[in-house]
PDB file of N, CA and C in Angstrom:
ATOM      1  N   MET A   1    -125.288 -28.835  -7.471  1.00  0.00           N
ATOM      2  CA  MET A   1    -124.004 -29.300  -7.949  1.00  0.00           C
ATOM      3  C   MET A   1    -123.270 -28.143  -8.625  1.00  0.00           C
ATOM      4  N   GLY A   2    -122.076 -27.863  -8.174  1.00  0.00           N
ATOM      5  CA  GLY A   2    -121.287 -26.761  -8.720  1.00  0.00           C
ATOM      6  C   GLY A   2    -120.449 -27.194  -9.905  1.00  0.00           C
ATOM      7  N   LEU A   3    -119.684 -26.252 -10.381  1.00  0.00           N
ATOM      8  CA  LEU A   3    -118.817 -26.531 -11.530  1.00  0.00           C
ATOM      9  C   LEU A   3    -117.367 -26.752 -11.115  1.00  0.00           C
ATOM     10  N   GLU A   4    -117.131 -26.991  -9.816  1.00  0.00           N
ATOM     11  CA  GLU A   4    -115.761 -27.172  -9.348  1.00  0.00           C
ATOM     12  C   GLU A   4    -115.072 -28.360 -10.007  1.00  0.00           C
ATOM     13  N   TRP A   5    -115.812 -29.403 -10.339  1.00  0.00           N
ATOM     14  CA  TRP A   5    -115.231 -30.603 -10.924  1.00  0.00           C
ATOM     15  C   TRP A   5    -114.638 -30.352 -12.303  1.00  0.00           C
ATOM     16  N   MET A   6    -115.023 -29.235 -12.941  1.00  0.00           N
ATOM     17  CA  MET A   6    -114.542 -28.962 -14.299  1.00  0.00           C
ATOM     18  C   MET A   6    -113.203 -28.227 -14.300  1.00  0.00           C
ATOM     19  N   ALA A   7    -112.780 -27.723 -13.149  1.00  0.00           N
ATOM     20  CA  ALA A   7    -111.504 -27.003 -13.042  1.00  0.00           C
ATOM     21  C   ALA A   7    -111.405 -25.881 -14.066  1.00  0.00           C
ATOM     22  N   TRP A   8    -112.382 -24.997 -14.066  1.00  0.00           N
ATOM     23  CA  TRP A   8    -112.387 -23.873 -14.997  1.00  0.00           C
ATOM     24  C   TRP A   8    -111.199 -22.957 -14.737  1.00  0.00           C
ATOM     25  N   THR A   9    -110.585 -22.549 -15.805  1.00  0.00           N
ATOM     26  CA  THR A   9    -109.528 -21.543 -15.748  1.00  0.00           C
ATOM     27  C   THR A   9    -109.930 -20.406 -16.680  1.00  0.00           C
ATOM     28  N   TRP A  10    -109.197 -19.319 -16.634  1.00  0.00           N
ATOM     29  CA  TRP A  10    -109.554 -18.219 -17.531  1.00  0.00           C
ATOM     30  C   TRP A  10    -109.324 -18.617 -18.987  1.00  0.00           C
ATOM     31  N   GLN A  11    -108.363 -19.502 -19.229  1.00  0.00           N
ATOM     32  CA  GLN A  11    -108.117 -19.941 -20.598  1.00  0.00           C
ATOM     33  C   GLN A  11    -109.279 -20.778 -21.129  1.00  0.00           C
ATOM     34  N   THR A  12    -109.829 -21.642 -20.281  1.00  0.00           N
ATOM     35  CA  THR A  12    -110.970 -22.462 -20.685  1.00  0.00           C
ATOM     36  C   THR A  12    -112.180 -21.591 -20.956  1.00  0.00           C
ATOM     37  N   ALA A  13    -112.433 -20.642 -20.067  1.00  0.00           N
ATOM     38  CA  ALA A  13    -113.560 -19.733 -20.253  1.00  0.00           C
ATOM     39  C   ALA A  13    -113.389 -18.913 -21.530  1.00  0.00           C
ATOM     40  N   THR A  14    -112.178 -18.443 -21.779  1.00  0.00           N
ATOM     41  CA  THR A  14    -111.912 -17.669 -22.997  1.00  0.00           C
ATOM     42  C   THR A  14    -112.170 -18.514 -24.242  1.00  0.00           C
ATOM     43  N   PHE A  15    -111.763 -19.769 -24.206  1.00  0.00           N
ATOM     44  CA  PHE A  15    -111.981 -20.670 -25.331  1.00  0.00           C
ATOM     45  C   PHE A  15    -113.465 -20.770 -25.673  1.00  0.00           C
ATOM     46  N   PHE A  16    -114.305 -21.043 -24.672  1.00  0.00           N
ATOM     47  CA  PHE A  16    -115.735 -21.199 -24.932  1.00  0.00           C
ATOM     48  C   PHE A  16    -116.407 -19.877 -25.281  1.00  0.00           C
ATOM     49  N   ILE A  17    -115.947 -18.781 -24.689  1.00  0.00           N
ATOM     50  CA  ILE A  17    -116.489 -17.468 -25.043  1.00  0.00           C
ATOM     51  C   ILE A  17    -116.169 -17.141 -26.493  1.00  0.00           C
ATOM     52  N   MET A  18    -114.951 -17.454 -26.942  1.00  0.00           N
ATOM     53  CA  MET A  18    -114.576 -17.167 -28.332  1.00  0.00           C
ATOM     54  C   MET A  18    -115.384 -18.006 -29.314  1.00  0.00           C
ATOM     55  N   ILE A  19    -115.660 -19.255 -28.983  1.00  0.00           N
ATOM     56  CA  ILE A  19    -116.513 -20.072 -29.861  1.00  0.00           C
ATOM     57  C   ILE A  19    -117.889 -19.436 -29.971  1.00  0.00           C
ATOM     58  N   ALA A  20    -118.447 -18.989 -28.851  1.00  0.00           N
ATOM     59  CA  ALA A  20    -119.756 -18.320 -28.877  1.00  0.00           C
ATOM     60  C   ALA A  20    -119.699 -17.049 -29.700  1.00  0.00           C
ATOM     61  N   VAL A  21    -118.623 -16.269 -29.552  1.00  0.00           N
ATOM     62  CA  VAL A  21    -118.472 -15.031 -30.328  1.00  0.00           C
ATOM     63  C   VAL A  21    -118.394 -15.352 -31.817  1.00  0.00           C
ATOM     64  N   PHE A  22    -117.639 -16.392 -32.183  1.00  0.00           N
ATOM     65  CA  PHE A  22    -117.536 -16.772 -33.597  1.00  0.00           C
ATOM     66  C   PHE A  22    -118.894 -17.183 -34.156  1.00  0.00           C
ATOM     67  N   LEU A  23    -119.646 -17.971 -33.413  1.00  0.00           N
ATOM     68  CA  LEU A  23    -120.959 -18.426 -33.892  1.00  0.00           C
ATOM     69  C   LEU A  23    -121.943 -17.268 -34.013  1.00  0.00           C
ATOM     70  N   ILE A  24    -121.952 -16.371 -33.046  1.00  0.00           N
ATOM     71  CA  ILE A  24    -122.834 -15.205 -33.116  1.00  0.00           C
ATOM     72  C   ILE A  24    -122.413 -14.305 -34.268  1.00  0.00           C
ATOM     73  N   GLY A  25    -121.099 -14.082 -34.411  1.00  0.00           N
ATOM     74  CA  GLY A  25    -120.608 -13.251 -35.511  1.00  0.00           C
ATOM     75  C   GLY A  25    -120.949 -13.840 -36.873  1.00  0.00           C
ATOM     76  N   MET A  26    -120.801 -15.156 -37.005  1.00  0.00           N
ATOM     77  CA  MET A  26    -121.134 -15.815 -38.271  1.00  0.00           C
ATOM     78  C   MET A  26    -122.626 -15.704 -38.557  1.00  0.00           C
ATOM     79  N   SER A  27    -123.454 -15.823 -37.536  1.00  0.00           N
ATOM     80  CA  SER A  27    -124.906 -15.694 -37.724  1.00  0.00           C
ATOM     81  C   SER A  27    -125.266 -14.295 -38.189  1.00  0.00           C
ATOM     82  N   ILE A  28    -124.672 -13.287 -37.565  1.00  0.00           N
ATOM     83  CA  ILE A  28    -124.940 -11.895 -37.958  1.00  0.00           C
ATOM     84  C   ILE A  28    -124.447 -11.650 -39.379  1.00  0.00           C
ATOM     85  N   TRP A  29    -123.253 -12.137 -39.705  1.00  0.00           N
ATOM     86  CA  TRP A  29    -122.695 -11.978 -41.048  1.00  0.00           C
ATOM     87  C   TRP A  29    -123.596 -12.642 -42.086  1.00  0.00           C
ATOM     88  N   GLU A  30    -124.105 -13.832 -41.767  1.00  0.00           N
ATOM     89  CA  GLU A  30    -124.958 -14.553 -42.712  1.00  0.00           C
ATOM     90  C   GLU A  30    -126.296 -13.844 -42.906  1.00  0.00           C
ATOM     91  N   MET A  31    -126.838 -13.243 -41.854  1.00  0.00           N
ATOM     92  CA  MET A  31    -128.095 -12.495 -41.986  1.00  0.00           C
ATOM     93  C   MET A  31    -127.887 -11.209 -42.776  1.00  0.00           C
ATOM     94  N   ALA A  32    -126.757 -10.539 -42.557  1.00  0.00           N
ATOM     95  CA  ALA A  32    -126.485  -9.278 -43.244  1.00  0.00           C
ATOM     96  C   ALA A  32    -126.145  -9.498 -44.716  1.00  0.00           C
ATOM     97  N   ARG A  33    -125.319 -10.506 -44.989  1.00  0.00           N
ATOM     98  CA  ARG A  33    -124.897 -10.814 -46.359  1.00  0.00           C
ATOM     99  C   ARG A  33    -124.930 -12.315 -46.556  1.00  0.00           C
ATOM    100  N   PRO A  34    -126.049 -12.850 -47.034  1.00  0.00           N
ATOM    101  CA  PRO A  34    -126.144 -14.303 -47.230  1.00  0.00           C
ATOM    102  C   PRO A  34    -125.010 -14.827 -48.114  1.00  0.00           C
ATOM    103  N   GLY A  35    -124.514 -16.010 -47.738  1.00  0.00           N
ATOM    104  CA  GLY A  35    -123.344 -16.586 -48.409  1.00  0.00           C
ATOM    105  C   GLY A  35    -123.576 -17.001 -49.847  1.00  0.00           C
ATOM    106  N   GLY A  36    -124.788 -17.354 -50.166  1.00  0.00           N
ATOM    107  CA  GLY A  36    -125.056 -17.767 -51.537  1.00  0.00           C
ATOM    108  C   GLY A  36    -124.595 -19.179 -51.822  1.00  0.00           C
ATOM    109  N   ASP A  37    -124.132 -19.396 -53.042  1.00  0.00           N
ATOM    110  CA  ASP A  37    -123.721 -20.730 -53.481  1.00  0.00           C
ATOM    111  C   ASP A  37    -122.425 -21.158 -52.802  1.00  0.00           C
ATOM    112  N   PRO A  38    -122.293 -22.450 -52.521  1.00  0.00           N
ATOM    113  CA  PRO A  38    -121.026 -22.955 -51.966  1.00  0.00           C
ATOM    114  C   PRO A  38    -119.896 -22.765 -52.974  1.00  0.00           C
ATOM    115  N   ARG A  39    -118.694 -22.663 -52.457  1.00  0.00           N
ATOM    116  CA  ARG A  39    -117.548 -22.529 -53.362  1.00  0.00           C
ATOM    117  C   ARG A  39    -116.657 -23.743 -53.210  1.00  0.00           C
ATOM    118  N   THR A  40    -116.001 -24.096 -54.300  1.00  0.00           N
ATOM    119  CA  THR A  40    -115.117 -25.260 -54.318  1.00  0.00           C
ATOM    120  C   THR A  40    -113.699 -24.785 -54.048  1.00  0.00           C
ATOM    121  N   GLY A  41    -113.073 -25.400 -53.048  1.00  0.00           N
ATOM    122  CA  GLY A  41    -111.735 -24.995 -52.653  1.00  0.00           C
ATOM    123  C   GLY A  41    -110.669 -25.936 -53.140  1.00  0.00           C
ATOM    124  N   VAL A  42    -109.510 -25.836 -52.516  1.00  0.00           N
ATOM    125  CA  VAL A  42    -108.335 -26.611 -52.896  1.00  0.00           C
ATOM    126  C   VAL A  42    -108.586 -28.113 -52.764  1.00  0.00           C
ATOM    127  N   LEU A  43    -109.332 -28.497 -51.739  1.00  0.00           N
ATOM    128  CA  LEU A  43    -109.576 -29.914 -51.498  1.00  0.00           C
ATOM    129  C   LEU A  43    -110.657 -30.508 -52.397  1.00  0.00           C
ATOM    130  N   GLY A  44    -111.299 -29.672 -53.198  1.00  0.00           N
ATOM    131  CA  GLY A  44    -112.358 -30.150 -54.073  1.00  0.00           C
ATOM    132  C   GLY A  44    -113.706 -30.273 -53.386  1.00  0.00           C
ATOM    133  N   LEU A  45    -113.810 -29.742 -52.186  1.00  0.00           N
ATOM    134  CA  LEU A  45    -115.068 -29.783 -51.443  1.00  0.00           C
ATOM    135  C   LEU A  45    -115.875 -28.513 -51.699  1.00  0.00           C
ATOM    136  N   ASP A  46    -117.185 -28.671 -51.805  1.00  0.00           N
ATOM    137  CA  ASP A  46    -118.061 -27.504 -51.866  1.00  0.00           C
ATOM    138  C   ASP A  46    -118.376 -27.093 -50.435  1.00  0.00           C
ATOM    139  N   THR A  47    -117.932 -25.883 -50.050  1.00  0.00           N
ATOM    140  CA  THR A  47    -118.124 -25.435 -48.671  1.00  0.00           C
ATOM    141  C   THR A  47    -118.775 -24.068 -48.627  1.00  0.00           C
ATOM    142  N   THR A  48    -119.554 -23.858 -47.581  1.00  0.00           N
ATOM    143  CA  THR A  48    -120.123 -22.545 -47.286  1.00  0.00           C
ATOM    144  C   THR A  48    -119.292 -21.920 -46.173  1.00  0.00           C
ATOM    145  N   ARG A  49    -119.614 -20.670 -45.808  1.00  0.00           N
ATOM    146  CA  ARG A  49    -118.897 -20.023 -44.710  1.00  0.00           C
ATOM    147  C   ARG A  49    -119.024 -20.816 -43.418  1.00  0.00           C
ATOM    148  N   GLY A  50    -120.210 -21.316 -43.157  1.00  0.00           N
ATOM    149  CA  GLY A  50    -120.439 -22.100 -41.944  1.00  0.00           C
ATOM    150  C   GLY A  50    -119.613 -23.377 -41.931  1.00  0.00           C
ATOM    151  N   ASP A  51    -119.508 -24.021 -43.092  1.00  0.00           N
ATOM    152  CA  ASP A  51    -118.671 -25.222 -43.194  1.00  0.00           C
ATOM    153  C   ASP A  51    -117.220 -24.893 -42.891  1.00  0.00           C
ATOM    154  N   ARG A  52    -116.732 -23.787 -43.443  1.00  0.00           N
ATOM    155  CA  ARG A  52    -115.347 -23.397 -43.225  1.00  0.00           C
ATOM    156  C   ARG A  52    -115.096 -23.021 -41.767  1.00  0.00           C
ATOM    157  N   LEU A  53    -116.088 -22.394 -41.116  1.00  0.00           N
ATOM    158  CA  LEU A  53    -115.957 -22.102 -39.687  1.00  0.00           C
ATOM    159  C   LEU A  53    -115.860 -23.396 -38.892  1.00  0.00           C
ATOM    160  N   PHE A  54    -116.716 -24.352 -39.193  1.00  0.00           N
ATOM    161  CA  PHE A  54    -116.696 -25.634 -38.504  1.00  0.00           C
ATOM    162  C   PHE A  54    -115.369 -26.352 -38.708  1.00  0.00           C
ATOM    163  N   ILE A  55    -114.881 -26.381 -39.942  1.00  0.00           N
ATOM    164  CA  ILE A  55    -113.600 -27.021 -40.240  1.00  0.00           C
ATOM    165  C   ILE A  55    -112.466 -26.323 -39.490  1.00  0.00           C
ATOM    166  N   SER A  56    -112.490 -25.000 -39.450  1.00  0.00           N
ATOM    167  CA  SER A  56    -111.416 -24.281 -38.758  1.00  0.00           C
ATOM    168  C   SER A  56    -111.481 -24.484 -37.247  1.00  0.00           C
ATOM    169  N   LEU A  57    -112.680 -24.589 -36.663  1.00  0.00           N
ATOM    170  CA  LEU A  57    -112.790 -24.855 -35.225  1.00  0.00           C
ATOM    171  C   LEU A  57    -112.281 -26.264 -34.890  1.00  0.00           C
ATOM    172  N   LEU A  58    -112.633 -27.236 -35.717  1.00  0.00           N
ATOM    173  CA  LEU A  58    -112.124 -28.598 -35.501  1.00  0.00           C
ATOM    174  C   LEU A  58    -110.604 -28.653 -35.647  1.00  0.00           C
ATOM    175  N   THR A  59    -110.099 -27.993 -36.670  1.00  0.00           N
ATOM    176  CA  THR A  59    -108.664 -27.968 -36.895  1.00  0.00           C
ATOM    177  C   THR A  59    -107.945 -27.309 -35.724  1.00  0.00           C
ATOM    178  N   SER A  60    -108.515 -26.238 -35.226  1.00  0.00           N
ATOM    179  CA  SER A  60    -107.934 -25.549 -34.072  1.00  0.00           C
ATOM    180  C   SER A  60    -107.879 -26.458 -32.849  1.00  0.00           C
ATOM    181  N   ALA A  61    -108.946 -27.202 -32.622  1.00  0.00           N
ATOM    182  CA  ALA A  61    -108.959 -28.132 -31.485  1.00  0.00           C
ATOM    183  C   ALA A  61    -107.875 -29.190 -31.647  1.00  0.00           C
ATOM    184  N   TYR A  62    -107.720 -29.737 -32.842  1.00  0.00           N
ATOM    185  CA  TYR A  62    -106.702 -30.758 -33.074  1.00  0.00           C
ATOM    186  C   TYR A  62    -105.286 -30.191 -32.952  1.00  0.00           C
ATOM    187  N   ILE A  63    -105.089 -28.974 -33.421  1.00  0.00           N
ATOM    188  CA  ILE A  63    -103.769 -28.339 -33.291  1.00  0.00           C
ATOM    189  C   ILE A  63    -103.419 -28.170 -31.810  1.00  0.00           C
ATOM    190  N   HIS A  64    -104.384 -27.710 -31.025  1.00  0.00           N
ATOM    191  CA  HIS A  64    -104.122 -27.514 -29.599  1.00  0.00           C
ATOM    192  C   HIS A  64    -103.881 -28.849 -28.873  1.00  0.00           C
ATOM    193  N   LEU A  65    -104.661 -29.858 -29.218  1.00  0.00           N
ATOM    194  CA  LEU A  65    -104.447 -31.170 -28.592  1.00  0.00           C
ATOM    195  C   LEU A  65    -103.077 -31.741 -28.968  1.00  0.00           C
ATOM    196  N   ALA A  66    -102.711 -31.624 -30.219  1.00  0.00           N
ATOM    197  CA  ALA A  66    -101.400 -32.104 -30.658  1.00  0.00           C
ATOM    198  C   ALA A  66    -100.284 -31.323 -29.970  1.00  0.00           C
ATOM    199  N   TRP A  67    -100.487 -30.019 -29.825  1.00  0.00           N
ATOM    200  CA  TRP A  67     -99.486 -29.192 -29.160  1.00  0.00           C
ATOM    201  C   TRP A  67     -99.312 -29.623 -27.707  1.00  0.00           C
ATOM    202  N   LEU A  68    -100.429 -29.842 -27.026  1.00  0.00           N
ATOM    203  CA  LEU A  68    -100.353 -30.269 -25.626  1.00  0.00           C
ATOM    204  C   LEU A  68     -99.673 -31.630 -25.485  1.00  0.00           C
ATOM    205  N   GLY A  69     -99.880 -32.510 -26.452  1.00  0.00           N
ATOM    206  CA  GLY A  69     -99.307 -33.847 -26.372  1.00  0.00           C
ATOM    207  C   GLY A  69     -97.885 -33.954 -26.850  1.00  0.00           C
ATOM    208  N   LEU A  70     -97.491 -33.111 -27.804  1.00  0.00           N
ATOM    209  CA  LEU A  70     -96.192 -33.299 -28.455  1.00  0.00           C
ATOM    210  C   LEU A  70     -95.175 -32.204 -28.203  1.00  0.00           C
ATOM    211  N   ALA A  71     -95.633 -31.002 -27.898  1.00  0.00           N
ATOM    212  CA  ALA A  71     -94.719 -29.870 -27.775  1.00  0.00           C
ATOM    213  C   ALA A  71     -94.531 -29.493 -26.306  1.00  0.00           C
ATOM    214  N   THR A  72     -93.474 -28.754 -26.046  1.00  0.00           N
ATOM    215  CA  THR A  72     -93.210 -28.300 -24.680  1.00  0.00           C
ATOM    216  C   THR A  72     -93.278 -26.784 -24.557  1.00  0.00           C
ATOM    217  N   GLY A  73     -93.527 -26.098 -25.651  1.00  0.00           N
ATOM    218  CA  GLY A  73     -93.565 -24.642 -25.639  1.00  0.00           C
ATOM    219  C   GLY A  73     -94.885 -24.104 -25.118  1.00  0.00           C
ATOM    220  N   PRO A  74     -94.975 -22.780 -25.046  1.00  0.00           N
ATOM    221  CA  PRO A  74     -96.203 -22.158 -24.546  1.00  0.00           C
ATOM    222  C   PRO A  74     -97.384 -22.388 -25.495  1.00  0.00           C
ATOM    223  N   LEU A  75     -98.572 -22.444 -24.907  1.00  0.00           N
ATOM    224  CA  LEU A  75     -99.780 -22.756 -25.678  1.00  0.00           C
ATOM    225  C   LEU A  75    -100.166 -21.642 -26.648  1.00  0.00           C
ATOM    226  N   TRP A  76     -99.729 -20.407 -26.385  1.00  0.00           N
ATOM    227  CA  TRP A  76    -100.107 -19.320 -27.280  1.00  0.00           C
ATOM    228  C   TRP A  76     -99.528 -19.516 -28.681  1.00  0.00           C
ATOM    229  N   ILE A  77     -98.462 -20.289 -28.805  1.00  0.00           N
ATOM    230  CA  ILE A  77     -97.907 -20.579 -30.130  1.00  0.00           C
ATOM    231  C   ILE A  77     -98.910 -21.417 -30.932  1.00  0.00           C
ATOM    232  N   ALA A  78     -99.545 -22.385 -30.267  1.00  0.00           N
ATOM    233  CA  ALA A  78    -100.577 -23.188 -30.932  1.00  0.00           C
ATOM    234  C   ALA A  78    -101.764 -22.320 -31.320  1.00  0.00           C
ATOM    235  N   THR A  79    -102.081 -21.337 -30.499  1.00  0.00           N
ATOM    236  CA  THR A  79    -103.189 -20.432 -30.817  1.00  0.00           C
ATOM    237  C   THR A  79    -102.873 -19.605 -32.058  1.00  0.00           C
ATOM    238  N   ILE A  80    -101.666 -19.091 -32.134  1.00  0.00           N
ATOM    239  CA  ILE A  80    -101.272 -18.319 -33.323  1.00  0.00           C
ATOM    240  C   ILE A  80    -101.298 -19.210 -34.559  1.00  0.00           C
ATOM    241  N   LEU A  81    -100.795 -20.422 -34.432  1.00  0.00           N
ATOM    242  CA  LEU A  81    -100.831 -21.377 -35.546  1.00  0.00           C
ATOM    243  C   LEU A  81    -102.271 -21.666 -35.967  1.00  0.00           C
ATOM    244  N   SER A  82    -103.164 -21.792 -34.995  1.00  0.00           N
ATOM    245  CA  SER A  82    -104.576 -22.054 -35.289  1.00  0.00           C
ATOM    246  C   SER A  82    -105.218 -20.894 -36.038  1.00  0.00           C
ATOM    247  N   VAL A  83    -104.878 -19.684 -35.662  1.00  0.00           N
ATOM    248  CA  VAL A  83    -105.427 -18.504 -36.352  1.00  0.00           C
ATOM    249  C   VAL A  83    -104.931 -18.470 -37.797  1.00  0.00           C
ATOM    250  N   ILE A  84    -103.652 -18.766 -37.997  1.00  0.00           N
ATOM    251  CA  ILE A  84    -103.094 -18.781 -39.359  1.00  0.00           C
ATOM    252  C   ILE A  84    -103.792 -19.850 -40.204  1.00  0.00           C
ATOM    253  N   VAL A  85    -103.992 -21.027 -39.631  1.00  0.00           N
ATOM    254  CA  VAL A  85    -104.669 -22.102 -40.357  1.00  0.00           C
ATOM    255  C   VAL A  85    -106.120 -21.722 -40.648  1.00  0.00           C
ATOM    256  N   ALA A  86    -106.806 -21.087 -39.699  1.00  0.00           N
ATOM    257  CA  ALA A  86    -108.198 -20.679 -39.915  1.00  0.00           C
ATOM    258  C   ALA A  86    -108.304 -19.653 -41.042  1.00  0.00           C
ATOM    259  N   VAL A  87    -107.377 -18.713 -41.083  1.00  0.00           N
ATOM    260  CA  VAL A  87    -107.372 -17.733 -42.184  1.00  0.00           C
ATOM    261  C   VAL A  87    -107.151 -18.453 -43.522  1.00  0.00           C
ATOM    262  N   ALA A  88    -106.243 -19.404 -43.544  1.00  0.00           N
ATOM    263  CA  ALA A  88    -105.991 -20.173 -44.771  1.00  0.00           C
ATOM    264  C   ALA A  88    -107.226 -20.970 -45.173  1.00  0.00           C
ATOM    265  N   ILE A  89    -107.920 -21.546 -44.208  1.00  0.00           N
ATOM    266  CA  ILE A  89    -109.124 -22.320 -44.513  1.00  0.00           C
ATOM    267  C   ILE A  89    -110.192 -21.414 -45.116  1.00  0.00           C
ATOM    268  N   PHE A  90    -110.393 -20.243 -44.534  1.00  0.00           N
ATOM    269  CA  PHE A  90    -111.414 -19.338 -45.070  1.00  0.00           C
ATOM    270  C   PHE A  90    -111.002 -18.787 -46.437  1.00  0.00           C
ATOM    271  N   ARG A  91    -109.706 -18.690 -46.673  1.00  0.00           N
ATOM    272  CA  ARG A  91    -109.245 -18.144 -47.944  1.00  0.00           C
ATOM    273  C   ARG A  91    -109.235 -19.163 -49.073  1.00  0.00           C
ATOM    274  N   TRP A  92    -108.771 -20.400 -48.764  1.00  0.00           N
ATOM    275  CA  TRP A  92    -108.523 -21.347 -49.859  1.00  0.00           C
ATOM    276  C   TRP A  92    -109.327 -22.634 -49.827  1.00  0.00           C
ATOM    277  N   VAL A  93    -110.035 -22.943 -48.764  1.00  0.00           N
ATOM    278  CA  VAL A  93    -110.789 -24.213 -48.713  1.00  0.00           C
ATOM    279  C   VAL A  93    -112.197 -23.998 -49.194  1.00  0.00           C
TER     280      VAL A  93
END
């Protein structure tokens, strides 16, 4: 059974490759410099680096889904918005 039914595009492949790169990078970062104690952010949640990565990946998925459903512009705008939100999450959450 092939993967033709999934309709892979270069954008889809890039998406999954970037998730793998983020997870590998986070693992290497955690081994090199352990995160230590969780920190409390703006929302009052105690989060670690891994938690913030997970939250930013979920947020990115929701931003892209909302963009596809509600907007008519190019998808790269949603990607830029997702990167800005991810930086904010790592900085303040």
